[in-house]
């Protein structure tokens, strides 16, 4: 049976400056087959939700995200950095999470910032975090250098969706696309002219394409070299830059 995506009306007032819910926005997630739908709420990532978000981020990326998995980082180490990272995202106020109201757990997240933001310079912890993934940082840099005119991008012009993830027990219910649509509404309200993201596999690329994004460029993992080594050799598919003009 095909998935059906149904949303209830927003149950909260909106931030006049951002278009996002001041209170959580209720969502009736997709229904697939005989699986019961799970209502979740979407709201800004804040200081009070950084811990549950950091744990969801760690769970999704350590186990399922291809380039993170390839680095074989220990979950406890990843989590310690994820806490700092999610706190920075909360401080910037440009990220949204989906929460299961039954448990308070983070079901999914979309972590964003202005493309010109350099997290490694904002915090020593973030510099140490990115240092754990030199080849991932390098391939993203190569992708953006080849397919984005970064030297011409100014603040508040390009919103960067850096991570989107949904925990395994909440997948195939439309949560990822719902989060992306919330971010697109936010970006339009704030005057961004485009939104960009890197997709590290076909599933994430398909999700963004469902939301209207277009692939701008692609680098196969097997063909990428950094410091004269093919770190991603044997990893199937590749990384894609997707863009949506607003």
Foldseek 3Di string as FASTA:
>chain_A
DDKDADFDAFPADADLQFRFGPDWGWGFWIDDDPDHTAIWTKDWQAPVLQLLVLLQVLQCCCPPQVLNVLLVDDSVVSSVLSSVVSNVQNVQRLKMFIARVVPRHTFKIWGKDWPPDDVVVVDVSVVVVVVSRVPVVVVVVVQCVVQPPVVPDDTLAEMEREDIDGDPVNPPGCPRLVRVVSSVSRSVSSPHFKYKYKDADDVVVVSVVVNPWDWRDWDFLCPDDDPRDSSSNPPGDTMTMIMDGD
